[in-house]
């Protein structure tokens, strides 16, 4: 079985803005490539899991999302990093689905498809719902970053709270 790091997109990989779906609006968070390279060298499978309710709300299309995702993955590849898969929930919050975090559908799918051992895996997110998703999926360790949505630290049930993914070396060691 593989160990993985599940990474939320908006607020962890890129600067949080409302409904990012255009390449020109996508700005990588400082240190994200170095952090992901480090995790990859430690043998972790890197998986992006992201709620994209802008699709369900009609703000942008599935094709818009796929175009941006393809570009983002190419930027990682240019830096020697392989993101194994990107899972996304296209549903609006009021739609009934099993994939929208804090539900575990995206993680369940990754576990099945990629033979992931959640007891050896991490999740990095910027919202309470990301951390709840990690707990619901029985992921070993959850890491809450402050680089995205603001939150009250006392409300976070994360195992660790850090400023951004740039600090991941302080948490995940060899």
N, C-alpha and C. Protein backbone atom coordinates (compact mmCIF):
# COMPACT_ATOMS: atom_id res chain seq x y z
N UNK A 1 0.84 -1.20 0.00
CA UNK A 1 0.00 0.00 0.00
C UNK A 1 0.87 1.25 0.00
N UNK A 2 0.34 2.31 -0.55
CA UNK A 2 1.07 3.57 -0.68
C UNK A 2 0.71 4.55 0.44
N UNK A 3 1.68 5.33 0.84
CA UNK A 3 1.41 6.44 1.74
C UNK A 3 1.22 7.68 0.88
N UNK A 4 0.32 8.56 1.31
CA UNK A 4 -0.02 9.72 0.49
C UNK A 4 -0.11 10.99 1.31
N UNK A 5 0.02 12.11 0.60
CA UNK A 5 -0.34 13.40 1.17
C UNK A 5 -1.46 13.95 0.29
N UNK A 6 -2.63 14.11 0.91
CA UNK A 6 -3.78 14.72 0.24
C UNK A 6 -3.66 16.22 0.45
N UNK A 7 -3.73 16.97 -0.64
CA UNK A 7 -3.50 18.42 -0.58
C UNK A 7 -4.71 19.14 -1.16
N UNK A 8 -5.30 20.02 -0.38
CA UNK A 8 -6.35 20.89 -0.89
C UNK A 8 -5.70 21.86 -1.87
N UNK A 9 -6.48 22.38 -2.82
CA UNK A 9 -5.89 23.29 -3.81
C UNK A 9 -5.91 24.74 -3.35
N UNK A 10 -7.08 25.36 -3.38
CA UNK A 10 -7.19 26.80 -3.10
C UNK A 10 -6.85 27.10 -1.65
N UNK A 11 -5.85 27.94 -1.45
CA UNK A 11 -5.42 28.31 -0.11
C UNK A 11 -4.24 27.49 0.40
N UNK A 12 -3.93 26.38 -0.29
CA UNK A 12 -2.79 25.55 0.08
C UNK A 12 -1.76 25.54 -1.05
N UNK A 13 -2.21 25.23 -2.25
CA UNK A 13 -1.33 25.24 -3.42
C UNK A 13 -1.27 26.64 -4.03
N UNK A 14 -2.42 27.27 -4.12
CA UNK A 14 -2.48 28.61 -4.71
C UNK A 14 -3.13 29.59 -3.74
N UNK A 15 -2.88 30.87 -3.98
CA UNK A 15 -3.46 31.92 -3.14
C UNK A 15 -4.97 31.89 -3.28
N UNK A 16 -5.64 31.90 -2.14
CA UNK A 16 -7.10 31.85 -2.10
C UNK A 16 -7.70 33.12 -2.68
N UNK A 17 -8.53 32.94 -3.68
CA UNK A 17 -9.32 34.02 -4.28
C UNK A 17 -10.68 33.39 -4.56
N UNK A 18 -11.68 34.20 -4.77
CA UNK A 18 -13.00 33.64 -5.07
C UNK A 18 -13.01 32.95 -6.43
N UNK A 19 -13.32 31.67 -6.42
CA UNK A 19 -13.58 30.91 -7.64
C UNK A 19 -12.49 31.05 -8.70
N UNK A 20 -11.32 30.54 -8.39
CA UNK A 20 -10.20 30.58 -9.33
C UNK A 20 -10.42 29.52 -10.41
N UNK A 21 -10.53 29.96 -11.65
CA UNK A 21 -10.66 29.02 -12.77
C UNK A 21 -9.90 29.47 -14.01
N UNK A 22 -9.27 30.64 -13.94
CA UNK A 22 -8.47 31.15 -15.06
C UNK A 22 -6.99 31.11 -14.68
N UNK A 23 -6.17 30.73 -15.64
CA UNK A 23 -4.73 30.65 -15.40
C UNK A 23 -4.19 31.99 -14.91
N UNK A 24 -4.67 33.09 -15.47
CA UNK A 24 -4.15 34.41 -15.09
C UNK A 24 -4.45 34.76 -13.63
N UNK A 25 -5.44 34.10 -13.02
CA UNK A 25 -5.80 34.37 -11.62
C UNK A 25 -5.14 33.41 -10.64
N UNK A 26 -4.44 32.41 -11.15
CA UNK A 26 -3.86 31.35 -10.32
C UNK A 26 -2.44 31.74 -9.94
N UNK A 27 -2.20 31.93 -8.64
CA UNK A 27 -0.86 32.27 -8.13
C UNK A 27 -0.43 31.22 -7.13
N UNK A 28 0.68 30.55 -7.42
CA UNK A 28 1.17 29.54 -6.50
C UNK A 28 1.61 30.17 -5.19
N UNK A 29 1.34 29.47 -4.10
CA UNK A 29 1.79 29.90 -2.77
C UNK A 29 3.31 29.72 -2.71
N UNK A 30 3.98 30.68 -2.13
CA UNK A 30 5.42 30.63 -1.98
C UNK A 30 5.85 29.34 -1.27
N UNK A 31 6.78 28.63 -1.88
CA UNK A 31 7.33 27.42 -1.26
C UNK A 31 6.60 26.14 -1.59
N UNK A 32 5.52 26.20 -2.37
CA UNK A 32 4.73 24.99 -2.64
C UNK A 32 5.53 23.96 -3.42
N UNK A 33 6.34 24.39 -4.38
CA UNK A 33 7.11 23.42 -5.17
C UNK A 33 8.17 22.74 -4.32
N UNK A 34 8.84 23.52 -3.49
CA UNK A 34 9.87 22.94 -2.61
C UNK A 34 9.24 21.95 -1.63
N UNK A 35 8.09 22.30 -1.08
CA UNK A 35 7.41 21.42 -0.13
C UNK A 35 6.98 20.12 -0.80
N UNK A 36 6.39 20.22 -1.97
CA UNK A 36 5.92 19.03 -2.67
C UNK A 36 7.08 18.16 -3.14
N UNK A 37 8.17 18.78 -3.57
CA UNK A 37 9.36 18.03 -3.95
C UNK A 37 9.89 17.25 -2.75
N UNK A 38 9.93 17.89 -1.60
CA UNK A 38 10.38 17.25 -0.36
C UNK A 38 9.50 16.04 -0.05
N UNK A 39 8.18 16.21 -0.12
CA UNK A 39 7.26 15.11 0.19
C UNK A 39 7.42 13.96 -0.80
N UNK A 40 7.60 14.31 -2.06
CA UNK A 40 7.80 13.28 -3.09
C UNK A 40 9.08 12.50 -2.82
N UNK A 41 10.14 13.19 -2.42
CA UNK A 41 11.41 12.51 -2.12
C UNK A 41 11.28 11.58 -0.92
N UNK A 42 10.34 11.87 -0.03
CA UNK A 42 10.09 10.99 1.12
C UNK A 42 9.24 9.78 0.73
N UNK A 43 8.81 9.74 -0.52
CA UNK A 43 8.05 8.58 -1.00
C UNK A 43 6.54 8.70 -0.92
N UNK A 44 6.04 9.90 -0.68
CA UNK A 44 4.59 10.09 -0.62
C UNK A 44 4.00 10.27 -2.01
N UNK A 45 2.84 9.66 -2.23
CA UNK A 45 2.04 9.92 -3.42
C UNK A 45 1.33 11.25 -3.15
N UNK A 46 1.39 12.17 -4.09
CA UNK A 46 0.77 13.49 -3.92
C UNK A 46 -0.56 13.51 -4.66
N UNK A 47 -1.62 13.83 -3.92
CA UNK A 47 -2.98 13.82 -4.45
C UNK A 47 -3.66 15.13 -4.09
N UNK A 48 -4.25 15.78 -5.07
CA UNK A 48 -5.01 17.00 -4.81
C UNK A 48 -6.48 16.63 -4.67
N UNK A 49 -7.11 17.14 -3.61
CA UNK A 49 -8.56 16.99 -3.43
C UNK A 49 -9.14 18.39 -3.23
N UNK A 50 -10.12 18.74 -4.05
CA UNK A 50 -10.59 20.12 -4.03
C UNK A 50 -12.08 20.22 -4.28
N UNK A 51 -12.76 20.97 -3.43
CA UNK A 51 -14.16 21.33 -3.68
C UNK A 51 -14.16 22.44 -4.72
N UNK A 52 -14.93 22.28 -5.77
CA UNK A 52 -15.02 23.29 -6.83
C UNK A 52 -16.49 23.61 -7.09
N UNK A 53 -17.12 24.20 -6.09
CA UNK A 53 -18.56 24.49 -6.19
C UNK A 53 -18.88 25.52 -7.25
N UNK A 54 -17.89 26.25 -7.74
CA UNK A 54 -18.12 27.19 -8.83
C UNK A 54 -18.69 26.52 -10.07
N UNK A 55 -18.38 25.23 -10.25
CA UNK A 55 -18.94 24.48 -11.38
C UNK A 55 -20.44 24.29 -11.15
N UNK A 56 -20.79 23.78 -9.97
CA UNK A 56 -22.20 23.55 -9.65
C UNK A 56 -23.03 24.82 -9.58
N UNK A 57 -22.39 25.91 -9.24
CA UNK A 57 -23.09 27.20 -9.16
C UNK A 57 -23.19 27.89 -10.53
N UNK A 58 -22.51 27.33 -11.53
CA UNK A 58 -22.56 27.89 -12.88
C UNK A 58 -21.60 29.04 -13.12
N UNK A 59 -20.62 29.25 -12.23
CA UNK A 59 -19.65 30.34 -12.40
C UNK A 59 -18.60 30.02 -13.46
N UNK A 60 -18.30 28.75 -13.60
CA UNK A 60 -17.37 28.28 -14.63
C UNK A 60 -17.72 26.84 -14.96
N UNK A 61 -17.08 26.31 -16.00
CA UNK A 61 -17.45 24.99 -16.49
C UNK A 61 -16.44 23.92 -16.07
N UNK A 62 -16.83 22.68 -16.26
CA UNK A 62 -15.93 21.56 -16.04
C UNK A 62 -14.70 21.71 -16.94
N UNK A 63 -14.90 22.15 -18.16
CA UNK A 63 -13.79 22.35 -19.09
C UNK A 63 -12.84 23.44 -18.59
N UNK A 64 -13.38 24.52 -18.03
CA UNK A 64 -12.53 25.57 -17.44
C UNK A 64 -11.64 24.97 -16.35
N UNK A 65 -12.25 24.16 -15.48
CA UNK A 65 -11.51 23.52 -14.39
C UNK A 65 -10.41 22.62 -14.95
N UNK A 66 -10.76 21.81 -15.94
CA UNK A 66 -9.79 20.87 -16.52
C UNK A 66 -8.63 21.60 -17.20
N UNK A 67 -8.92 22.71 -17.87
CA UNK A 67 -7.86 23.50 -18.52
C UNK A 67 -6.88 24.04 -17.48
N UNK A 68 -7.41 24.60 -16.40
CA UNK A 68 -6.55 25.12 -15.33
C UNK A 68 -5.77 23.99 -14.66
N UNK A 69 -6.42 22.87 -14.42
CA UNK A 69 -5.77 21.73 -13.78
C UNK A 69 -4.61 21.22 -14.63
N UNK A 70 -4.83 21.09 -15.92
CA UNK A 70 -3.79 20.64 -16.84
C UNK A 70 -2.58 21.58 -16.77
N UNK A 71 -2.83 22.87 -16.79
CA UNK A 71 -1.76 23.86 -16.69
C UNK A 71 -1.02 23.72 -15.35
N UNK A 72 -1.78 23.61 -14.25
CA UNK A 72 -1.19 23.49 -12.92
C UNK A 72 -0.29 22.25 -12.85
N UNK A 73 -0.78 21.12 -13.34
CA UNK A 73 0.00 19.89 -13.31
C UNK A 73 1.29 20.03 -14.13
N UNK A 74 1.21 20.73 -15.24
CA UNK A 74 2.41 20.99 -16.05
C UNK A 74 3.42 21.83 -15.29
N UNK A 75 2.95 22.81 -14.53
CA UNK A 75 3.85 23.63 -13.72
C UNK A 75 4.56 22.78 -12.66
N UNK A 76 3.83 21.85 -12.05
CA UNK A 76 4.46 20.93 -11.10
C UNK A 76 5.50 20.07 -11.82
N UNK A 77 5.13 19.53 -12.98
CA UNK A 77 6.05 18.69 -13.75
C UNK A 77 7.33 19.45 -14.11
N UNK A 78 7.21 20.72 -14.47
CA UNK A 78 8.38 21.54 -14.79
C UNK A 78 9.33 21.64 -13.60
N UNK A 79 8.78 21.46 -12.40
CA UNK A 79 9.58 21.52 -11.17
C UNK A 79 9.93 20.12 -10.66
N UNK A 80 9.75 19.10 -11.52
CA UNK A 80 10.13 17.74 -11.17
C UNK A 80 9.18 17.05 -10.21
N UNK A 81 7.95 17.52 -10.13
CA UNK A 81 6.98 17.00 -9.17
C UNK A 81 5.83 16.34 -9.91
N UNK A 82 5.47 15.14 -9.46
CA UNK A 82 4.32 14.44 -10.03
C UNK A 82 3.16 14.48 -9.04
N UNK A 83 2.10 15.14 -9.46
CA UNK A 83 0.83 15.04 -8.72
C UNK A 83 0.13 13.84 -9.34
N UNK A 84 -0.04 12.79 -8.57
CA UNK A 84 -0.55 11.54 -9.12
C UNK A 84 -1.96 11.68 -9.66
N UNK A 85 -2.80 12.41 -8.95
CA UNK A 85 -4.18 12.57 -9.42
C UNK A 85 -4.80 13.79 -8.74
N UNK A 86 -5.74 14.40 -9.45
CA UNK A 86 -6.54 15.50 -8.90
C UNK A 86 -7.98 15.02 -8.85
N UNK A 87 -8.55 15.02 -7.66
CA UNK A 87 -9.97 14.70 -7.47
C UNK A 87 -10.69 16.00 -7.14
N UNK A 88 -11.87 16.17 -7.71
CA UNK A 88 -12.61 17.39 -7.39
C UNK A 88 -14.10 17.08 -7.22
N UNK A 89 -14.72 17.90 -6.41
CA UNK A 89 -16.17 17.85 -6.24
C UNK A 89 -16.74 19.06 -6.97
N UNK A 90 -17.55 18.83 -8.01
CA UNK A 90 -18.10 19.94 -8.78
C UNK A 90 -19.43 20.46 -8.24
N UNK A 91 -19.90 19.88 -7.16
CA UNK A 91 -21.25 20.17 -6.68
C UNK A 91 -21.33 21.44 -5.83
N UNK A 92 -22.47 22.10 -5.92
CA UNK A 92 -22.76 23.24 -5.04
C UNK A 92 -23.02 22.69 -3.63
N UNK A 93 -22.82 23.50 -2.60
CA UNK A 93 -22.97 23.02 -1.23
C UNK A 93 -24.33 22.38 -0.92
N UNK A 94 -25.38 22.85 -1.53
CA UNK A 94 -26.72 22.31 -1.20
C UNK A 94 -27.04 21.02 -1.94
N UNK A 95 -26.22 20.66 -2.92
CA UNK A 95 -26.45 19.41 -3.64
C UNK A 95 -26.05 18.23 -2.76
N UNK A 96 -26.80 17.16 -2.86
CA UNK A 96 -26.45 15.95 -2.12
C UNK A 96 -25.43 15.17 -2.93
N UNK A 97 -24.26 15.00 -2.37
CA UNK A 97 -23.22 14.20 -3.02
C UNK A 97 -22.39 13.55 -1.93
N UNK A 98 -21.54 12.64 -2.31
CA UNK A 98 -20.67 11.99 -1.33
C UNK A 98 -19.23 12.49 -1.42
N UNK A 99 -19.00 13.46 -2.35
CA UNK A 99 -17.62 13.89 -2.57
C UNK A 99 -17.26 15.22 -1.92
N UNK A 100 -18.22 16.06 -1.64
CA UNK A 100 -17.90 17.38 -1.10
C UNK A 100 -17.37 17.27 0.33
N UNK A 101 -16.15 17.79 0.52
CA UNK A 101 -15.58 17.78 1.87
C UNK A 101 -16.49 18.57 2.80
N UNK A 102 -16.77 18.10 3.99
CA UNK A 102 -16.03 17.11 4.77
C UNK A 102 -16.40 15.64 4.52
N UNK A 103 -17.26 15.37 3.54
CA UNK A 103 -17.51 13.96 3.20
C UNK A 103 -16.24 13.39 2.57
N UNK A 104 -16.17 12.08 2.53
CA UNK A 104 -14.90 11.42 2.20
C UNK A 104 -14.84 10.81 0.80
N UNK A 105 -15.79 11.12 -0.06
CA UNK A 105 -15.85 10.47 -1.37
C UNK A 105 -14.58 10.57 -2.19
N UNK A 106 -13.94 11.74 -2.22
CA UNK A 106 -12.71 11.88 -3.00
C UNK A 106 -11.59 11.03 -2.43
N UNK A 107 -11.48 11.01 -1.12
CA UNK A 107 -10.44 10.20 -0.47
C UNK A 107 -10.74 8.72 -0.66
N UNK A 108 -12.01 8.33 -0.49
CA UNK A 108 -12.39 6.92 -0.69
C UNK A 108 -12.02 6.45 -2.09
N UNK A 109 -12.27 7.30 -3.07
CA UNK A 109 -11.95 6.96 -4.46
C UNK A 109 -10.44 6.81 -4.64
N UNK A 110 -9.67 7.71 -4.06
CA UNK A 110 -8.20 7.64 -4.16
C UNK A 110 -7.66 6.39 -3.48
N UNK A 111 -8.19 6.07 -2.32
CA UNK A 111 -7.76 4.88 -1.58
C UNK A 111 -7.95 3.64 -2.44
N UNK A 112 -9.12 3.56 -3.07
CA UNK A 112 -9.44 2.41 -3.93
C UNK A 112 -8.57 2.38 -5.19
N UNK A 113 -8.49 3.49 -5.89
CA UNK A 113 -7.77 3.55 -7.17
C UNK A 113 -6.26 3.45 -7.03
N UNK A 114 -5.72 4.05 -5.97
CA UNK A 114 -4.27 4.20 -5.85
C UNK A 114 -3.66 3.37 -4.72
N UNK A 115 -4.48 2.52 -4.09
CA UNK A 115 -4.01 1.63 -3.02
C UNK A 115 -3.32 2.43 -1.90
N UNK A 116 -4.06 3.38 -1.35
CA UNK A 116 -3.53 4.27 -0.31
C UNK A 116 -3.82 3.72 1.08
N UNK A 117 -2.83 3.78 1.94
CA UNK A 117 -2.98 3.42 3.35
C UNK A 117 -3.19 4.72 4.13
N UNK A 118 -4.43 4.97 4.56
CA UNK A 118 -4.72 6.23 5.25
C UNK A 118 -4.02 6.33 6.60
N UNK A 119 -3.64 5.20 7.18
CA UNK A 119 -2.97 5.24 8.48
C UNK A 119 -1.52 5.71 8.37
N UNK A 120 -1.03 5.84 7.14
CA UNK A 120 0.32 6.35 6.91
C UNK A 120 0.29 7.64 6.10
N UNK A 121 -0.88 8.26 6.03
CA UNK A 121 -1.07 9.41 5.15
C UNK A 121 -1.40 10.69 5.90
N UNK A 122 -1.29 11.80 5.19
CA UNK A 122 -1.53 13.14 5.73
C UNK A 122 -2.54 13.87 4.85
N UNK A 123 -3.20 14.86 5.42
CA UNK A 123 -4.04 15.78 4.65
C UNK A 123 -3.66 17.19 5.05
N UNK A 124 -3.46 18.05 4.05
CA UNK A 124 -3.14 19.45 4.28
C UNK A 124 -4.27 20.29 3.70
N UNK A 125 -4.91 21.10 4.56
CA UNK A 125 -6.02 21.92 4.10
C UNK A 125 -6.07 23.25 4.81
N UNK A 126 -6.90 24.15 4.29
CA UNK A 126 -7.01 25.49 4.87
C UNK A 126 -8.38 25.78 5.48
N UNK A 127 -9.28 24.81 5.42
CA UNK A 127 -10.62 25.01 5.97
C UNK A 127 -10.91 23.95 7.02
N UNK A 128 -11.81 24.29 7.92
CA UNK A 128 -12.27 23.33 8.92
C UNK A 128 -12.82 22.08 8.22
N UNK A 129 -13.52 22.26 7.10
CA UNK A 129 -14.10 21.11 6.39
C UNK A 129 -13.01 20.16 5.87
N UNK A 130 -11.84 20.68 5.54
CA UNK A 130 -10.73 19.81 5.13
C UNK A 130 -10.29 18.93 6.29
N UNK A 131 -10.16 19.55 7.44
CA UNK A 131 -9.71 18.82 8.63
C UNK A 131 -10.76 17.79 9.05
N UNK A 132 -12.03 18.17 8.99
CA UNK A 132 -13.10 17.23 9.29
C UNK A 132 -13.08 16.05 8.32
N UNK A 133 -12.80 16.32 7.07
CA UNK A 133 -12.69 15.27 6.06
C UNK A 133 -11.58 14.29 6.42
N UNK A 134 -10.44 14.81 6.82
CA UNK A 134 -9.32 13.95 7.22
C UNK A 134 -9.73 13.05 8.38
N UNK A 135 -10.39 13.63 9.37
CA UNK A 135 -10.83 12.84 10.53
C UNK A 135 -11.86 11.80 10.10
N UNK A 136 -12.82 12.20 9.26
CA UNK A 136 -13.86 11.28 8.80
C UNK A 136 -13.29 10.11 8.01
N UNK A 137 -12.21 10.37 7.28
CA UNK A 137 -11.58 9.33 6.45
C UNK A 137 -10.53 8.53 7.22
N UNK A 138 -10.34 8.86 8.48
CA UNK A 138 -9.37 8.17 9.35
C UNK A 138 -7.92 8.35 8.87
N UNK A 139 -7.66 9.51 8.25
CA UNK A 139 -6.29 9.82 7.84
C UNK A 139 -5.45 10.06 9.08
N UNK A 140 -4.24 9.54 9.06
CA UNK A 140 -3.35 9.56 10.22
C UNK A 140 -3.18 10.96 10.81
N UNK A 141 -2.86 11.93 9.96
CA UNK A 141 -2.52 13.26 10.47
C UNK A 141 -3.12 14.35 9.59
N UNK A 142 -3.73 15.34 10.23
CA UNK A 142 -4.27 16.49 9.50
C UNK A 142 -3.45 17.73 9.85
N UNK A 143 -3.23 18.55 8.82
CA UNK A 143 -2.43 19.76 8.97
C UNK A 143 -3.23 20.93 8.43
N UNK A 144 -3.47 21.91 9.28
CA UNK A 144 -4.28 23.09 8.92
C UNK A 144 -3.33 24.24 8.63
N UNK A 145 -3.42 24.78 7.42
CA UNK A 145 -2.57 25.92 7.06
C UNK A 145 -3.34 27.22 7.16
N UNK A 146 -2.62 28.27 7.54
CA UNK A 146 -3.22 29.60 7.70
C UNK A 146 -3.16 30.42 6.41
N UNK A 147 -2.61 29.84 5.35
CA UNK A 147 -2.39 30.58 4.11
C UNK A 147 -3.66 30.78 3.28
N UNK A 148 -4.75 30.16 3.66
CA UNK A 148 -5.99 30.29 2.91
C UNK A 148 -7.05 31.00 3.72
N UNK A 149 -8.16 30.31 3.93
CA UNK A 149 -9.27 30.88 4.70
C UNK A 149 -8.85 31.11 6.15
N UNK A 150 -9.29 32.22 6.71
CA UNK A 150 -8.98 32.47 8.11
C UNK A 150 -9.86 31.58 8.98
N UNK A 151 -9.34 31.23 10.14
CA UNK A 151 -10.08 30.38 11.07
C UNK A 151 -9.57 30.65 12.47
N UNK A 152 -10.40 30.33 13.44
CA UNK A 152 -10.01 30.45 14.83
C UNK A 152 -9.32 29.14 15.21
N UNK A 153 -8.08 29.23 15.63
CA UNK A 153 -7.30 28.02 15.92
C UNK A 153 -7.99 27.10 16.93
N UNK A 154 -8.74 27.67 17.85
CA UNK A 154 -9.42 26.83 18.85
C UNK A 154 -10.54 26.00 18.23
N UNK A 155 -11.00 26.40 17.04
CA UNK A 155 -12.05 25.65 16.35
C UNK A 155 -11.50 24.54 15.46
N UNK A 156 -10.20 24.53 15.26
CA UNK A 156 -9.59 23.52 14.39
C UNK A 156 -9.27 22.27 15.20
N UNK A 157 -9.64 21.14 14.65
CA UNK A 157 -9.35 19.86 15.28
C UNK A 157 -8.12 19.21 14.63
N UNK A 158 -7.30 20.03 13.96
CA UNK A 158 -6.13 19.52 13.25
C UNK A 158 -5.06 19.04 14.22
N UNK A 159 -4.26 18.11 13.75
CA UNK A 159 -3.13 17.64 14.55
C UNK A 159 -2.03 18.70 14.62
N UNK A 160 -1.90 19.47 13.53
CA UNK A 160 -0.91 20.55 13.48
C UNK A 160 -1.51 21.76 12.77
N UNK A 161 -1.06 22.94 13.16
CA UNK A 161 -1.43 24.19 12.48
C UNK A 161 -0.13 24.89 12.12
N UNK A 162 0.00 25.23 10.82
CA UNK A 162 1.20 25.91 10.34
C UNK A 162 0.79 27.09 9.46
N UNK A 163 1.73 28.00 9.22
CA UNK A 163 1.41 29.17 8.40
C UNK A 163 1.11 28.81 6.95
N UNK A 164 1.93 27.94 6.35
CA UNK A 164 1.70 27.53 4.97
C UNK A 164 2.39 26.20 4.72
N UNK A 165 2.13 25.64 3.54
CA UNK A 165 2.74 24.37 3.16
C UNK A 165 4.27 24.46 3.16
N UNK A 166 4.78 25.66 3.05
CA UNK A 166 6.23 25.89 3.06
C UNK A 166 6.88 25.30 4.32
N UNK A 167 6.12 25.22 5.41
CA UNK A 167 6.65 24.74 6.69
C UNK A 167 6.48 23.23 6.90
N UNK A 168 6.12 22.51 5.85
CA UNK A 168 5.79 21.09 6.00
C UNK A 168 6.95 20.25 6.52
N UNK A 169 8.19 20.67 6.24
CA UNK A 169 9.36 19.92 6.72
C UNK A 169 9.42 19.87 8.24
N UNK A 170 8.77 20.83 8.90
CA UNK A 170 8.75 20.83 10.37
C UNK A 170 7.80 19.78 10.93
N UNK A 171 6.91 19.26 10.09
CA UNK A 171 5.90 18.30 10.54
C UNK A 171 6.21 16.89 10.03
N UNK A 172 6.37 16.76 8.74
CA UNK A 172 6.59 15.45 8.13
C UNK A 172 8.09 15.24 7.96
N UNK A 173 8.58 14.28 8.70
CA UNK A 173 10.02 13.99 8.69
C UNK A 173 10.25 12.64 8.01
N UNK A 174 11.52 12.32 7.80
CA UNK A 174 11.84 11.04 7.14
C UNK A 174 11.47 9.86 7.95
